[in-house]
Amino acid sequence: MSGETASSSGIVLEGIDDVEDYVWANEGVGSLPWDRYSHVYDYMENGNRAFRDNRVEEAINNYTRANNIKPGDHVILGNRSAAYMRISQFLKSRSPTASECRPLNGLDMTTLAELALKDAERLMSLQNNAVRSYILKANALILLERYEMARDIILSGLQLDPFSDILRASFRSLERMPSSLLRIRGHELPERTDDFDCTLCLKLLYQPITTPCGHSFCRSCLFQTMDRSNKCPLCRTVLFISPRTCAISVTLNNIIQKTFPEEYAERKSEHDSLINFGNDLIPLFVMDVVIPCQKFPLHIFEPRYRLMVRRIMEGNHRMGMVIRDPATDSVAEFACEVEITECEPLPDGRFVLEIESRRRFRILRSWDQDGYRMAEVEWIQDILPIDARDREDLQESTNNAAAYARSWLSSAKEATHERRVLEALYNIEVMMPNTQDPERFSFWLATLSNRRPSERLELLRIRDTAERIRRGLIYLTAEAQGRSVQCQGGAGGFGFSPNRK
């Protein structure tokens, strides 16, 4: 084996041309039994002799045997690190022709350099004030082409000993390197090509899915196209996959994430912004007027709303229910937030949801996003009475209305013999809020009667709880006196039938 002293980049490795002798007198009294110490000494002598005769594999074997008897010895670790580096740099500088004529067995040059670095790091933890440990670690990093890290280690060593000729020579070698070679392995980003781009959004693949026909797309892009067709966007092969069963290509995703970390982080941020809307942004589902304290099923089949539901289910599970104003052909100003409590995706991409209405809001502005509506909203609450007497009157009105509503529900359940109507009555009874929250109770009271959309929209606008309770009692009294109990349209809330607009 040749004793070359230059790496493939042309940097001369300084300080590994010789090893340190193992001196008897340096051994502390009582550290090892005499017979075991003599074995360590013999192994070190044989290893040093083999190193100087360029029999590096034999030297490594002797150093390893010595380390097994006396682990953590700084001389053993330093000499073995130098031996690993010598054989690594030999393999690095060996010509391809020589490899064809005489192939070698054993560890590759990178693994040997990593073993050298491991020994050098252990040596530095034992002797962080010894220049030799800095020299060995810097040389191992150079072999691994981690030049910037090697430069940092050399500078740290020069702070310890500014007059070290070996460290100064190594630093000069690094300074003479071309700037194109001075990079941190694993941190220098390769030049971006379109090989890792999604052919649908023309951006870096994010959460890639590889189809059975061999094409890769962003997960969201693929299923957005499959809302309209079940064929591959490139080759038109019929795809029998769904968001529930199709997994992300883990290997491809890891390669992209490690190769293009900054651009991948941007794509992740862009994706997160589509599913985490913030406190004052909400996606809109254009349907009928919904008021708080309702619960009902919803069937999602339109492509734009399939996309919206997928994003909602990755985020906070909430959206806004709004009606379109026929006079202005735009969404109404007031609407209600609903939460998706159950979501059943169907094989063909449709969804069956169960939703519960929560808070009301006023739309400040709205815009189109990927086919559905987004809105910036202001959350609305009732203006509570300031005077204590008014608050007591409001609570008394709420309690009286609650007693009347319970009596009405009891009579309605006794009067009906239809199972479907009975289930609707029980469902709405379960949704009854605590009377200590008059605002929510006033909305629940209004769900007992079947009101026109314009009347429900007016209830959303009202910010006087007492007025809404008064109207709710009027509606319920009219319902009880003028009509028999009926279950409207499977809305899950009694007397309410949502109609899509």
Foldseek 3Di string as FASTA:
>chain_A
DDQDQAAPLGFGQFDLLAADQDDPVVDDPPPDPPVLVVLLNVLQVQLRVCVNVVVLVSNLVSLVVSCVSPPLDLRSLLNNLSSLLRVLRVQRPDDPVVCVVPPDDDDHSLVSLVSSLVSLVSSCVVPVLDLSSLSSNLSSCVSVLQNVVSLVSLVVSCVSPVPDPRSVSSNVSSVPGDPVSNDGVLPDADDDDQPQAAPQVRAGAALWFQFPVGDIHRPLRQVLVLLPPQADPPPRHRGQDDPVPTHGPVVSNVVCCSRPVVSNVVVVVVLVCQQAVDDFKFFEDAWFADDALFKFKDKFRHSQVLSVQVSPVVHVQKHWYWYQDPVVRHTDFKTWMKGFPDWDADSSSMIMTMIGTDFMWGFPDWDDDSHTIMTGTGTDAADDDPDPVVNVVLLVLLVVLVVVVVVLLVVLCVPDPDPVLNQLSVLLVVSQDDSVPLQSNLRSLQLQAADDRVVSVVLRVHRHSVVSNVVSVVRVVCCVPPHRFDAPPRGSGRNYHMGGD
